[in-house]
Amino acid sequence: MSYGTCFPLWRAGAPDWDAYVRAPFVTALADGRLPRGAFLAYLAQDYLFLVHFARAWSLAVTKAGSLAEIRACSATVHALLETEMRLHLDLCGRAGITPDALAATAEAPQNLAYTRYVLEAGYSGDFLDLLAALAPCVLGYGEIGARLLAGPHAPDYADWIATYGGPDYQALCHGTAALIDNAVESRLGAGARDLPRWTQLQDRFSTATRLEAQFWTLAG
């Protein structure tokens, strides 16, 4: 899946990309072999992750340099709170897990490492640092969802696959890619890839990808 211009280049430079998007967890989710308990444990951790992710995208609003960037980041916050978190609440609710129980879940070390890294990138860096750290999650889930939806998949986790492979989330991915491309060009110019700053952004993206790959392991 190709989203924009910067993302394919960062993805190609991230050693752990395949370990992330083709993790055993993802394969088992697609063919229905993933134990329901492991899926629910992942959902609980991911719900907490999304809380911090919404905070990170809200931080991006304050780091943005234009009204268009502010609107794009605000739209992502809305999608996280009203679409992704709603999916988690619905799926967990069917299993008898209440919103209060989800909120009371203890954060796994993998969750702490990833979410705090992204927030630190925003606090210590600029808008581009934050986008590079945020991109693997948004666009990686889009890539996974699109691939699984287009191929054969068991019905067990069809709602999850349909959400991330569906048109609304795919539109969010393309919008995020455009936000990244425009932000890079406006700040670094057409020759961005030849600058030392590009290497720094690649490192941000690669680290976040490695932490994203490790996130799948928290479900056991």
N, C-alpha and C. Protein backbone atom coordinates (compact mmCIF):
# COMPACT_ATOMS: atom_id res chain seq x y z
N MET A 1 0.86 -1.20 0.00
CA MET A 1 0.00 0.00 0.00
C MET A 1 0.89 1.24 0.00
N SER A 2 0.59 2.18 -0.90
CA SER A 2 1.38 3.39 -1.01
C SER A 2 0.56 4.59 -0.57
N TYR A 3 1.04 5.26 0.46
CA TYR A 3 0.40 6.48 0.93
C TYR A 3 1.40 7.62 0.77
N GLY A 4 1.17 8.48 -0.20
CA GLY A 4 2.01 9.64 -0.37
C GLY A 4 3.40 9.33 -0.86
N THR A 5 4.33 10.25 -0.58
CA THR A 5 5.71 10.17 -1.05
C THR A 5 6.69 9.83 0.07
N CYS A 6 6.59 10.49 1.20
CA CYS A 6 7.54 10.26 2.29
C CYS A 6 7.36 8.89 2.92
N PHE A 7 6.13 8.49 3.14
CA PHE A 7 5.88 7.23 3.83
C PHE A 7 6.54 6.03 3.16
N PRO A 8 6.39 5.82 1.83
CA PRO A 8 7.05 4.66 1.23
C PRO A 8 8.57 4.67 1.42
N LEU A 9 9.17 5.86 1.44
CA LEU A 9 10.61 5.95 1.64
C LEU A 9 10.99 5.61 3.08
N TRP A 10 10.24 6.14 4.03
CA TRP A 10 10.50 5.82 5.43
C TRP A 10 10.26 4.33 5.69
N ARG A 11 9.21 3.79 5.12
CA ARG A 11 8.88 2.37 5.30
C ARG A 11 10.03 1.50 4.76
N ALA A 12 10.55 1.85 3.59
CA ALA A 12 11.65 1.09 2.99
C ALA A 12 12.91 1.15 3.86
N GLY A 13 13.07 2.22 4.62
CA GLY A 13 14.24 2.37 5.47
C GLY A 13 14.08 1.86 6.89
N ALA A 14 12.92 1.27 7.19
CA ALA A 14 12.64 0.77 8.54
C ALA A 14 12.87 -0.74 8.59
N PRO A 15 13.94 -1.22 9.25
CA PRO A 15 14.26 -2.65 9.23
C PRO A 15 13.17 -3.54 9.80
N ASP A 16 12.34 -3.01 10.69
CA ASP A 16 11.33 -3.83 11.37
C ASP A 16 9.94 -3.73 10.75
N TRP A 17 9.87 -3.15 9.54
CA TRP A 17 8.53 -2.94 8.97
C TRP A 17 7.78 -4.26 8.75
N ASP A 18 8.40 -5.23 8.14
CA ASP A 18 7.71 -6.50 7.90
C ASP A 18 7.38 -7.21 9.20
N ALA A 19 8.27 -7.11 10.19
CA ALA A 19 7.99 -7.71 11.49
C ALA A 19 6.76 -7.09 12.13
N TYR A 20 6.47 -5.87 11.78
CA TYR A 20 5.28 -5.15 12.27
C TYR A 20 4.03 -5.55 11.50
N VAL A 21 4.02 -5.32 10.19
CA VAL A 21 2.79 -5.49 9.42
C VAL A 21 2.48 -6.95 9.08
N ARG A 22 3.47 -7.84 9.24
CA ARG A 22 3.25 -9.26 8.96
C ARG A 22 3.57 -10.11 10.19
N ALA A 23 3.32 -9.54 11.34
CA ALA A 23 3.58 -10.23 12.61
C ALA A 23 2.69 -11.47 12.72
N PRO A 24 3.13 -12.49 13.48
CA PRO A 24 2.30 -13.68 13.70
C PRO A 24 0.91 -13.33 14.24
N PHE A 25 0.81 -12.30 15.07
CA PHE A 25 -0.48 -11.86 15.58
C PHE A 25 -1.41 -11.47 14.44
N VAL A 26 -0.89 -10.73 13.47
CA VAL A 26 -1.68 -10.27 12.33
C VAL A 26 -2.12 -11.45 11.47
N THR A 27 -1.22 -12.38 11.23
CA THR A 27 -1.54 -13.56 10.43
C THR A 27 -2.62 -14.39 11.10
N ALA A 28 -2.48 -14.58 12.42
CA ALA A 28 -3.47 -15.37 13.15
C ALA A 28 -4.81 -14.66 13.22
N LEU A 29 -4.79 -13.34 13.27
CA LEU A 29 -6.03 -12.57 13.25
C LEU A 29 -6.76 -12.76 11.93
N ALA A 30 -6.01 -12.77 10.84
CA ALA A 30 -6.61 -12.89 9.51
C ALA A 30 -7.24 -14.26 9.29
N ASP A 31 -6.55 -15.32 9.72
CA ASP A 31 -7.09 -16.66 9.43
C ASP A 31 -7.95 -17.22 10.55
N GLY A 32 -8.16 -16.43 11.61
CA GLY A 32 -9.06 -16.83 12.67
C GLY A 32 -8.43 -17.70 13.75
N ARG A 33 -7.13 -17.95 13.67
CA ARG A 33 -6.47 -18.80 14.66
C ARG A 33 -6.16 -18.05 15.96
N LEU A 34 -6.25 -16.75 15.95
CA LEU A 34 -5.91 -15.96 17.13
C LEU A 34 -6.90 -16.26 18.26
N PRO A 35 -6.43 -16.69 19.42
CA PRO A 35 -7.33 -16.96 20.54
C PRO A 35 -8.10 -15.68 20.94
N ARG A 36 -9.35 -15.87 21.27
CA ARG A 36 -10.18 -14.71 21.63
C ARG A 36 -9.60 -13.96 22.83
N GLY A 37 -9.04 -14.69 23.78
CA GLY A 37 -8.45 -14.03 24.94
C GLY A 37 -7.29 -13.14 24.57
N ALA A 38 -6.46 -13.59 23.62
CA ALA A 38 -5.33 -12.77 23.17
C ALA A 38 -5.82 -11.52 22.46
N PHE A 39 -6.88 -11.65 21.69
CA PHE A 39 -7.44 -10.50 20.98
C PHE A 39 -7.99 -9.47 21.96
N LEU A 40 -8.70 -9.95 22.98
CA LEU A 40 -9.27 -9.04 23.97
C LEU A 40 -8.18 -8.36 24.80
N ALA A 41 -7.10 -9.11 25.11
CA ALA A 41 -5.99 -8.50 25.84
C ALA A 41 -5.34 -7.41 25.00
N TYR A 42 -5.20 -7.67 23.70
CA TYR A 42 -4.66 -6.64 22.79
C TYR A 42 -5.58 -5.44 22.74
N LEU A 43 -6.89 -5.66 22.62
CA LEU A 43 -7.84 -4.55 22.53
C LEU A 43 -7.77 -3.66 23.77
N ALA A 44 -7.66 -4.28 24.94
CA ALA A 44 -7.59 -3.50 26.17
C ALA A 44 -6.35 -2.62 26.19
N GLN A 45 -5.20 -3.19 25.80
CA GLN A 45 -3.98 -2.40 25.75
C GLN A 45 -4.06 -1.33 24.66
N ASP A 46 -4.64 -1.69 23.53
CA ASP A 46 -4.73 -0.73 22.43
C ASP A 46 -5.68 0.41 22.77
N TYR A 47 -6.69 0.13 23.57
CA TYR A 47 -7.60 1.19 24.02
C TYR A 47 -6.81 2.24 24.82
N LEU A 48 -5.96 1.76 25.73
CA LEU A 48 -5.11 2.69 26.49
C LEU A 48 -4.15 3.42 25.57
N PHE A 49 -3.62 2.68 24.60
CA PHE A 49 -2.72 3.30 23.63
C PHE A 49 -3.41 4.44 22.90
N LEU A 50 -4.65 4.23 22.49
CA LEU A 50 -5.38 5.25 21.73
C LEU A 50 -5.61 6.51 22.56
N VAL A 51 -5.76 6.36 23.87
CA VAL A 51 -5.89 7.54 24.74
C VAL A 51 -4.64 8.41 24.62
N HIS A 52 -3.48 7.77 24.72
CA HIS A 52 -2.22 8.52 24.61
C HIS A 52 -1.98 9.00 23.18
N PHE A 53 -2.42 8.20 22.22
CA PHE A 53 -2.26 8.59 20.83
C PHE A 53 -3.10 9.84 20.53
N ALA A 54 -4.29 9.91 21.11
CA ALA A 54 -5.12 11.11 20.95
C ALA A 54 -4.43 12.32 21.57
N ARG A 55 -3.77 12.10 22.70
CA ARG A 55 -3.01 13.19 23.32
C ARG A 55 -1.87 13.65 22.40
N ALA A 56 -1.21 12.68 21.77
CA ALA A 56 -0.09 13.02 20.89
C ALA A 56 -0.56 13.81 19.68
N TRP A 57 -1.68 13.39 19.09
CA TRP A 57 -2.21 14.15 17.95
C TRP A 57 -2.74 15.52 18.39
N SER A 58 -3.22 15.61 19.63
CA SER A 58 -3.61 16.92 20.16
C SER A 58 -2.38 17.81 20.34
N LEU A 59 -1.27 17.20 20.75
CA LEU A 59 -0.01 17.94 20.83
C LEU A 59 0.41 18.42 19.45
N ALA A 60 0.15 17.61 18.43
CA ALA A 60 0.47 18.02 17.06
C ALA A 60 -0.28 19.28 16.66
N VAL A 61 -1.48 19.45 17.21
CA VAL A 61 -2.24 20.68 16.93
C VAL A 61 -1.45 21.89 17.39
N THR A 62 -0.82 21.79 18.56
CA THR A 62 -0.07 22.93 19.09
C THR A 62 1.26 23.11 18.36
N LYS A 63 1.78 22.04 17.73
CA LYS A 63 3.04 22.13 17.00
C LYS A 63 2.83 22.54 15.54
N ALA A 64 1.60 22.49 15.08
CA ALA A 64 1.29 22.76 13.67
C ALA A 64 1.66 24.20 13.30
N GLY A 65 1.93 24.38 12.01
CA GLY A 65 2.35 25.70 11.55
C GLY A 65 1.33 26.44 10.71
N SER A 66 0.20 25.79 10.44
CA SER A 66 -0.82 26.45 9.61
C SER A 66 -2.19 25.96 10.04
N LEU A 67 -3.20 26.69 9.59
CA LEU A 67 -4.57 26.30 9.91
C LEU A 67 -4.92 24.96 9.27
N ALA A 68 -4.40 24.72 8.07
CA ALA A 68 -4.65 23.44 7.40
C ALA A 68 -4.08 22.28 8.21
N GLU A 69 -2.89 22.45 8.78
CA GLU A 69 -2.30 21.42 9.61
C GLU A 69 -3.10 21.21 10.89
N ILE A 70 -3.55 22.29 11.48
CA ILE A 70 -4.37 22.20 12.69
C ILE A 70 -5.64 21.40 12.40
N ARG A 71 -6.28 21.70 11.28
CA ARG A 71 -7.52 20.99 10.93
C ARG A 71 -7.26 19.51 10.71
N ALA A 72 -6.17 19.18 10.03
CA ALA A 72 -5.86 17.78 9.74
C ALA A 72 -5.59 17.01 11.04
N CYS A 73 -4.84 17.60 11.94
CA CYS A 73 -4.55 16.93 13.22
C CYS A 73 -5.81 16.80 14.07
N SER A 74 -6.63 17.83 14.06
CA SER A 74 -7.89 17.78 14.82
C SER A 74 -8.81 16.69 14.28
N ALA A 75 -8.83 16.53 12.96
CA ALA A 75 -9.66 15.49 12.36
C ALA A 75 -9.20 14.10 12.79
N THR A 76 -7.89 13.93 12.94
CA THR A 76 -7.37 12.65 13.38
C THR A 76 -7.75 12.38 14.84
N VAL A 77 -7.66 13.39 15.68
CA VAL A 77 -8.10 13.24 17.07
C VAL A 77 -9.56 12.79 17.12
N HIS A 78 -10.38 13.42 16.31
CA HIS A 78 -11.80 13.06 16.27
C HIS A 78 -11.98 11.61 15.83
N ALA A 79 -11.23 11.18 14.82
CA ALA A 79 -11.35 9.80 14.33
C ALA A 79 -10.91 8.80 15.40
N LEU A 80 -9.87 9.14 16.14
CA LEU A 80 -9.41 8.25 17.22
C LEU A 80 -10.48 8.10 18.30
N LEU A 81 -11.06 9.21 18.71
CA LEU A 81 -12.00 9.20 19.81
C LEU A 81 -13.36 8.62 19.42
N GLU A 82 -13.79 8.90 18.20
CA GLU A 82 -15.15 8.54 17.81
C GLU A 82 -15.26 7.29 16.94
N THR A 83 -14.16 6.85 16.35
CA THR A 83 -14.22 5.66 15.48
C THR A 83 -13.40 4.51 16.07
N GLU A 84 -12.10 4.72 16.24
CA GLU A 84 -11.26 3.63 16.72
C GLU A 84 -11.61 3.22 18.15
N MET A 85 -11.76 4.17 19.04
CA MET A 85 -12.07 3.82 20.42
C MET A 85 -13.46 3.22 20.53
N ARG A 86 -14.38 3.67 19.69
CA ARG A 86 -15.72 3.09 19.67
C ARG A 86 -15.67 1.63 19.25
N LEU A 87 -14.82 1.30 18.27
CA LEU A 87 -14.65 -0.09 17.87
C LEU A 87 -14.20 -0.93 19.05
N HIS A 88 -13.22 -0.45 19.80
CA HIS A 88 -12.71 -1.19 20.95
C HIS A 88 -13.79 -1.36 22.02
N LEU A 89 -14.54 -0.31 22.28
CA LEU A 89 -15.61 -0.40 23.27
C LEU A 89 -16.68 -1.40 22.84
N ASP A 90 -17.03 -1.39 21.58
CA ASP A 90 -18.07 -2.30 21.07
C ASP A 90 -17.60 -3.75 21.15
N LEU A 91 -16.38 -4.02 20.66
CA LEU A 91 -15.88 -5.38 20.65
C LEU A 91 -15.69 -5.92 22.06
N CYS A 92 -15.18 -5.10 22.95
CA CYS A 92 -14.99 -5.54 24.33
C CYS A 92 -16.33 -5.66 25.05
N GLY A 93 -17.25 -4.76 24.73
CA GLY A 93 -18.57 -4.82 25.34
C GLY A 93 -19.29 -6.13 25.04
N ARG A 94 -19.10 -6.65 23.83
CA ARG A 94 -19.71 -7.93 23.48
C ARG A 94 -19.18 -9.07 24.33
N ALA A 95 -17.97 -8.88 24.84
CA ALA A 95 -17.35 -9.91 25.69
C ALA A 95 -17.59 -9.64 27.18
N GLY A 96 -18.41 -8.63 27.47
CA GLY A 96 -18.73 -8.32 28.85
C GLY A 96 -17.72 -7.43 29.56
N ILE A 97 -16.81 -6.82 28.80
CA ILE A 97 -15.81 -5.93 29.38
C ILE A 97 -16.34 -4.50 29.32
N THR A 98 -16.52 -3.87 30.45
CA THR A 98 -17.11 -2.54 30.52
C THR A 98 -16.08 -1.47 30.22
N PRO A 99 -16.54 -0.26 29.87
CA PRO A 99 -15.59 0.85 29.68
C PRO A 99 -14.74 1.12 30.91
N ASP A 100 -15.32 1.00 32.10
CA ASP A 100 -14.54 1.22 33.32
C ASP A 100 -13.45 0.17 33.47
N ALA A 101 -13.77 -1.07 33.12
CA ALA A 101 -12.77 -2.13 33.20
C ALA A 101 -11.63 -1.89 32.20
N LEU A 102 -11.99 -1.41 31.01
CA LEU A 102 -10.96 -1.09 30.03
C LEU A 102 -10.03 0.01 30.54
N ALA A 103 -10.63 1.06 31.08
CA ALA A 103 -9.84 2.19 31.57
C ALA A 103 -8.95 1.80 32.74
N ALA A 104 -9.34 0.76 33.48
CA ALA A 104 -8.58 0.33 34.65
C ALA A 104 -7.49 -0.68 34.30
N THR A 105 -7.36 -1.05 33.04
CA THR A 105 -6.33 -2.01 32.62
C THR A 105 -4.94 -1.46 32.92
N ALA A 106 -4.09 -2.30 33.49
CA ALA A 106 -2.71 -1.89 33.75
C ALA A 106 -1.93 -1.89 32.44
N GLU A 107 -1.21 -0.81 32.19
CA GLU A 107 -0.45 -0.71 30.93
C GLU A 107 0.72 -1.69 30.90
N ALA A 108 0.82 -2.42 29.81
CA ALA A 108 1.94 -3.34 29.62
C ALA A 108 3.21 -2.55 29.31
N PRO A 109 4.38 -3.12 29.61
CA PRO A 109 5.64 -2.41 29.32
C PRO A 109 5.77 -1.98 27.86
N GLN A 110 5.29 -2.84 26.93
CA GLN A 110 5.37 -2.49 25.51
C GLN A 110 4.53 -1.24 25.21
N ASN A 111 3.42 -1.13 25.89
CA ASN A 111 2.53 0.02 25.71
C ASN A 111 3.19 1.29 26.26
N LEU A 112 3.74 1.17 27.46
CA LEU A 112 4.42 2.31 28.07
C LEU A 112 5.57 2.80 27.19
N ALA A 113 6.36 1.85 26.68
CA ALA A 113 7.52 2.23 25.87
C ALA A 113 7.10 2.97 24.61
N TYR A 114 6.10 2.46 23.95
CA TYR A 114 5.69 3.04 22.67
C TYR A 114 5.02 4.40 22.85
N THR A 115 4.03 4.46 23.72
CA THR A 115 3.28 5.72 23.86
C THR A 115 4.15 6.84 24.40
N ARG A 116 5.03 6.51 25.35
CA ARG A 116 5.87 7.57 25.90
C ARG A 116 6.92 8.01 24.90
N TYR A 117 7.36 7.10 24.05
CA TYR A 117 8.31 7.50 23.01
C TYR A 117 7.67 8.52 22.06
N VAL A 118 6.45 8.24 21.64
CA VAL A 118 5.77 9.14 20.72
C VAL A 118 5.54 10.50 21.37
N LEU A 119 5.09 10.50 22.61
CA LEU A 119 4.86 11.77 23.30
C LEU A 119 6.18 12.53 23.50
N GLU A 120 7.24 11.80 23.84
CA GLU A 120 8.54 12.46 24.01
C GLU A 120 9.02 13.09 22.71
N ALA A 121 8.75 12.40 21.59
CA ALA A 121 9.13 12.95 20.29
C ALA A 121 8.44 14.29 20.06
N GLY A 122 7.20 14.39 20.50
CA GLY A 122 6.47 15.63 20.34
C GLY A 122 6.92 16.72 21.29
N TYR A 123 7.21 16.34 22.54
CA TYR A 123 7.62 17.33 23.53
C TYR A 123 9.01 17.88 23.24
N SER A 124 9.94 17.01 22.85
CA SER A 124 11.32 17.44 22.67
C SER A 124 11.63 17.87 21.24
N GLY A 125 10.80 17.42 20.29
CA GLY A 125 11.04 17.73 18.89
C GLY A 125 10.04 18.72 18.33
N ASP A 126 10.01 18.79 17.00
CA ASP A 126 9.08 19.70 16.34
C ASP A 126 7.96 18.92 15.67
N PHE A 127 7.21 19.58 14.84
CA PHE A 127 6.06 18.97 14.18
C PHE A 127 6.47 17.76 13.34
N LEU A 128 7.60 17.85 12.65
CA LEU A 128 8.05 16.75 11.81
C LEU A 128 8.46 15.54 12.65
N ASP A 129 9.14 15.79 13.77
CA ASP A 129 9.51 14.68 14.67
C ASP A 129 8.26 13.93 15.12
N LEU A 130 7.25 14.67 15.49
CA LEU A 130 6.02 14.05 15.98
C LEU A 130 5.32 13.27 14.88
N LEU A 131 5.24 13.83 13.69
CA LEU A 131 4.60 13.12 12.57
C LEU A 131 5.34 11.84 12.23
N ALA A 132 6.67 11.88 12.24
CA ALA A 132 7.45 10.68 11.92
C ALA A 132 7.23 9.59 12.95
N ALA A 133 7.04 9.97 14.21
CA ALA A 133 6.78 8.98 15.26
C ALA A 133 5.36 8.46 15.22
N LEU A 134 4.42 9.28 14.76
CA LEU A 134 3.01 8.90 14.68
C LEU A 134 2.69 8.06 13.45
N ALA A 135 3.44 8.27 12.39
CA ALA A 135 3.10 7.68 11.09
C ALA A 135 3.02 6.16 11.06
N PRO A 136 3.94 5.42 11.70
CA PRO A 136 3.87 3.96 11.58
C PRO A 136 2.55 3.37 12.05
N CYS A 137 1.99 3.92 13.10
CA CYS A 137 0.73 3.38 13.60
C CYS A 137 -0.41 3.65 12.62
N VAL A 138 -0.60 4.89 12.27
CA VAL A 138 -1.72 5.25 11.39
C VAL A 138 -1.62 4.51 10.05
N LEU A 139 -0.48 4.62 9.41
CA LEU A 139 -0.34 4.09 8.06
C LEU A 139 -0.07 2.59 8.04
N GLY A 140 0.56 2.08 9.07
CA GLY A 140 0.76 0.64 9.16
C GLY A 140 -0.55 -0.10 9.34
N TYR A 141 -1.42 0.41 10.17
CA TYR A 141 -2.74 -0.21 10.35
C TYR A 141 -3.55 -0.12 9.06
N GLY A 142 -3.37 0.99 8.33
CA GLY A 142 -4.05 1.11 7.04
C GLY A 142 -3.55 0.06 6.06
N GLU A 143 -2.24 -0.15 6.03
CA GLU A 143 -1.66 -1.16 5.14
C GLU A 143 -2.14 -2.56 5.52
N ILE A 144 -2.11 -2.86 6.82
CA ILE A 144 -2.58 -4.17 7.29
C ILE A 144 -4.05 -4.37 6.96
N GLY A 145 -4.86 -3.38 7.29
CA GLY A 145 -6.30 -3.51 7.05
C GLY A 145 -6.64 -3.69 5.59
N ALA A 146 -6.00 -2.92 4.72
CA ALA A 146 -6.28 -3.01 3.28
C ALA A 146 -5.88 -4.38 2.75
N ARG A 147 -4.72 -4.89 3.19
CA ARG A 147 -4.27 -6.18 2.71
C ARG A 147 -5.18 -7.32 3.18
N LEU A 148 -5.55 -7.29 4.45
CA LEU A 148 -6.39 -8.35 4.98
C LEU A 148 -7.80 -8.31 4.39
N LEU A 149 -8.33 -7.11 4.19
CA LEU A 149 -9.67 -6.98 3.64
C LEU A 149 -9.72 -7.46 2.20
N ALA A 150 -8.64 -7.23 1.45
CA ALA A 150 -8.62 -7.61 0.04
C ALA A 150 -8.39 -9.10 -0.15
N GLY A 151 -7.88 -9.78 0.86
CA GLY A 151 -7.59 -11.20 0.74
C GLY A 151 -8.57 -12.05 1.52
N PRO A 152 -8.39 -13.36 1.47
CA PRO A 152 -9.26 -14.25 2.25
C PRO A 152 -9.02 -14.07 3.74
N HIS A 153 -10.08 -13.95 4.51
CA HIS A 153 -9.94 -13.82 5.96
C HIS A 153 -11.15 -14.45 6.64
N ALA A 154 -10.90 -15.03 7.79
CA ALA A 154 -11.96 -15.66 8.57
C ALA A 154 -12.90 -14.61 9.13
N PRO A 155 -14.14 -14.97 9.44
CA PRO A 155 -15.11 -13.99 9.94
C PRO A 155 -14.89 -13.59 11.39
N ASP A 156 -14.01 -14.29 12.10
CA ASP A 156 -13.87 -14.08 13.55
C ASP A 156 -13.56 -12.64 13.92
N TYR A 157 -12.69 -12.00 13.14
CA TYR A 157 -12.27 -10.64 13.45
C TYR A 157 -12.57 -9.70 12.28
N ALA A 158 -13.67 -9.99 11.61
CA ALA A 158 -14.05 -9.23 10.42
C ALA A 158 -14.32 -7.76 10.72
N ASP A 159 -14.87 -7.45 11.89
CA ASP A 159 -15.16 -6.05 12.23
C ASP A 159 -13.88 -5.24 12.32
N TRP A 160 -12.86 -5.82 12.93
CA TRP A 160 -11.57 -5.12 13.06
C TRP A 160 -10.98 -4.89 11.67
N ILE A 161 -10.98 -5.93 10.86
CA ILE A 161 -10.41 -5.83 9.51
C ILE A 161 -11.18 -4.81 8.67
N ALA A 162 -12.51 -4.83 8.77
CA ALA A 162 -13.33 -3.91 7.98
C ALA A 162 -13.10 -2.46 8.40
N THR A 163 -12.85 -2.24 9.67
CA THR A 163 -12.60 -0.87 10.14
C THR A 163 -11.33 -0.31 9.54
N TYR A 164 -10.23 -1.05 9.63
CA TYR A 164 -8.94 -0.52 9.18
C TYR A 164 -8.74 -0.65 7.66
N GLY A 165 -9.47 -1.58 7.04
CA GLY A 165 -9.37 -1.70 5.59
C GLY A 165 -10.43 -0.91 4.86
N GLY A 166 -11.42 -0.39 5.59
CA GLY A 166 -12.56 0.29 4.98
C GLY A 166 -12.25 1.70 4.49
N PRO A 167 -13.18 2.29 3.77
CA PRO A 167 -12.94 3.58 3.11
C PRO A 167 -12.67 4.74 4.06
N ASP A 168 -13.32 4.75 5.21
CA ASP A 168 -13.12 5.87 6.13
C ASP A 168 -11.69 5.89 6.67
N TYR A 169 -11.20 4.73 7.10
CA TYR A 169 -9.84 4.70 7.64
C TYR A 169 -8.82 4.89 6.53
N GLN A 170 -9.10 4.34 5.36
CA GLN A 170 -8.16 4.54 4.25
C GLN A 170 -8.09 6.00 3.85
N ALA A 171 -9.20 6.71 3.92
CA ALA A 171 -9.19 8.15 3.64
C ALA A 171 -8.34 8.89 4.67
N LEU A 172 -8.44 8.45 5.93
CA LEU A 172 -7.62 9.05 6.98
C LEU A 172 -6.13 8.83 6.68
N CYS A 173 -5.79 7.65 6.20
CA CYS A 173 -4.39 7.34 5.87
C CYS A 173 -3.89 8.24 4.75
N HIS A 174 -4.67 8.39 3.71
CA HIS A 174 -4.24 9.25 2.61
C HIS A 174 -4.13 10.70 3.06
N GLY A 175 -5.04 11.12 3.93
CA GLY A 175 -4.96 12.47 4.47
C GLY A 175 -3.72 12.67 5.33
N THR A 176 -3.38 11.66 6.14
CA THR A 176 -2.18 11.74 6.97
C THR A 176 -0.93 11.79 6.11
N ALA A 177 -0.89 10.98 5.06
CA ALA A 177 0.26 10.98 4.15
C ALA A 177 0.43 12.34 3.49
N ALA A 178 -0.68 12.95 3.08
CA ALA A 178 -0.62 14.28 2.46
C ALA A 178 -0.13 15.32 3.47
N LEU A 179 -0.59 15.19 4.72
CA LEU A 179 -0.14 16.09 5.77
C LEU A 179 1.37 15.99 5.95
N ILE A 180 1.89 14.77 5.99
CA ILE A 180 3.33 14.55 6.14
C ILE A 180 4.09 15.13 4.95
N ASP A 181 3.65 14.81 3.75
CA ASP A 181 4.35 15.29 2.55
C ASP A 181 4.40 16.81 2.51
N ASN A 182 3.28 17.45 2.77
CA ASN A 182 3.22 18.91 2.72
C ASN A 182 4.06 19.54 3.84
N ALA A 183 4.04 18.91 5.02
CA ALA A 183 4.82 19.45 6.14
C ALA A 183 6.31 19.35 5.86
N VAL A 184 6.74 18.23 5.30
CA VAL A 184 8.16 18.05 4.97
C VAL A 184 8.59 19.05 3.89
N GLU A 185 7.79 19.17 2.84
CA GLU A 185 8.17 20.07 1.75
C GLU A 185 8.19 21.53 2.20
N SER A 186 7.21 21.92 3.02
CA SER A 186 7.14 23.32 3.43
C SER A 186 8.28 23.70 4.37
N ARG A 187 8.79 22.72 5.13
CA ARG A 187 9.84 23.01 6.10
C ARG A 187 11.25 22.69 5.59
N LEU A 188 11.37 21.68 4.74
CA LEU A 188 12.69 21.23 4.30
C LEU A 188 12.95 21.45 2.82
N GLY A 189 11.89 21.70 2.05
CA GLY A 189 12.07 21.94 0.63
C GLY A 189 12.09 20.67 -0.20
N ALA A 190 12.23 20.86 -1.51
CA ALA A 190 12.17 19.73 -2.45
C ALA A 190 13.32 18.76 -2.27
N GLY A 191 14.44 19.22 -1.75
CA GLY A 191 15.60 18.35 -1.57
C GLY A 191 15.71 17.76 -0.18
N ALA A 192 14.57 17.52 0.45
CA ALA A 192 14.56 17.07 1.84
C ALA A 192 15.38 15.80 2.06
N ARG A 193 15.32 14.89 1.11
CA ARG A 193 15.99 13.58 1.28
C ARG A 193 17.51 13.70 1.31
N ASP A 194 18.04 14.81 0.88
CA ASP A 194 19.49 14.99 0.87
C ASP A 194 20.01 15.69 2.13
N LEU A 195 19.11 16.03 3.04
CA LEU A 195 19.49 16.76 4.24
C LEU A 195 19.70 15.83 5.43
N PRO A 196 20.59 16.18 6.36
CA PRO A 196 20.75 15.38 7.58
C PRO A 196 19.43 15.24 8.36
N ARG A 197 18.58 16.23 8.24
CA ARG A 197 17.29 16.19 8.95
C ARG A 197 16.46 14.99 8.51
N TRP A 198 16.57 14.60 7.24
CA TRP A 198 15.82 13.45 6.75
C TRP A 198 16.23 12.18 7.50
N THR A 199 17.51 12.03 7.75
CA THR A 199 18.01 10.86 8.49
C THR A 199 17.44 10.83 9.90
N GLN A 200 17.33 12.00 10.52
CA GLN A 200 16.75 12.08 11.86
C GLN A 200 15.29 11.64 11.84
N LEU A 201 14.56 12.07 10.83
CA LEU A 201 13.15 11.69 10.73
C LEU A 201 13.01 10.20 10.44
N GLN A 202 13.90 9.67 9.59
CA GLN A 202 13.90 8.23 9.32
C GLN A 202 14.14 7.45 10.62
N ASP A 203 15.04 7.93 11.44
CA ASP A 203 15.32 7.26 12.71
C ASP A 203 14.10 7.29 13.62
N ARG A 204 13.39 8.41 13.65
CA ARG A 204 12.15 8.50 14.43
C ARG A 204 11.15 7.45 13.95
N PHE A 205 10.96 7.39 12.66
CA PHE A 205 10.01 6.46 12.06
C PHE A 205 10.42 5.02 12.35
N SER A 206 11.70 4.71 12.20
CA SER A 206 12.19 3.35 12.39
C SER A 206 12.04 2.91 13.84
N THR A 207 12.33 3.80 14.78
CA THR A 207 12.17 3.46 16.20
C THR A 207 10.71 3.20 16.54
N ALA A 208 9.82 4.06 16.06
CA ALA A 208 8.40 3.86 16.31
C ALA A 208 7.90 2.56 15.68
N THR A 209 8.44 2.21 14.52
CA THR A 209 8.06 0.95 13.87
C THR A 209 8.51 -0.24 14.72
N ARG A 210 9.72 -0.18 15.27
CA ARG A 210 10.21 -1.27 16.12
C ARG A 210 9.32 -1.43 17.36
N LEU A 211 8.93 -0.32 17.95
CA LEU A 211 8.06 -0.37 19.13
C LEU A 211 6.67 -0.86 18.76
N GLU A 212 6.21 -0.52 17.56
CA GLU A 212 4.91 -1.01 17.07
C GLU A 212 4.95 -2.52 16.88
N ALA A 213 6.05 -3.04 16.35
CA ALA A 213 6.18 -4.50 16.16
C ALA A 213 6.16 -5.21 17.51
N GLN A 214 6.79 -4.61 18.52
CA GLN A 214 6.81 -5.22 19.84
C GLN A 214 5.45 -5.16 20.52
N PHE A 215 4.62 -4.22 20.12
CA PHE A 215 3.31 -4.05 20.73
C PHE A 215 2.45 -5.31 20.56
N TRP A 216 2.58 -5.98 19.40
CA TRP A 216 1.78 -7.19 19.16
C TRP A 216 2.05 -8.28 20.19
N THR A 217 3.25 -8.27 20.79
CA THR A 217 3.63 -9.35 21.71
C THR A 217 2.97 -9.23 23.07
N LEU A 218 2.34 -8.11 23.37
CA LEU A 218 1.78 -7.92 24.71
C LEU A 218 0.58 -8.82 24.98
N ALA A 219 -0.02 -9.37 23.91
CA ALA A 219 -1.17 -10.25 24.10
C ALA A 219 -0.75 -11.69 24.37
N GLY A 220 0.55 -11.94 24.43
CA GLY A 220 1.02 -13.29 24.73
C GLY A 220 1.32 -14.09 23.50
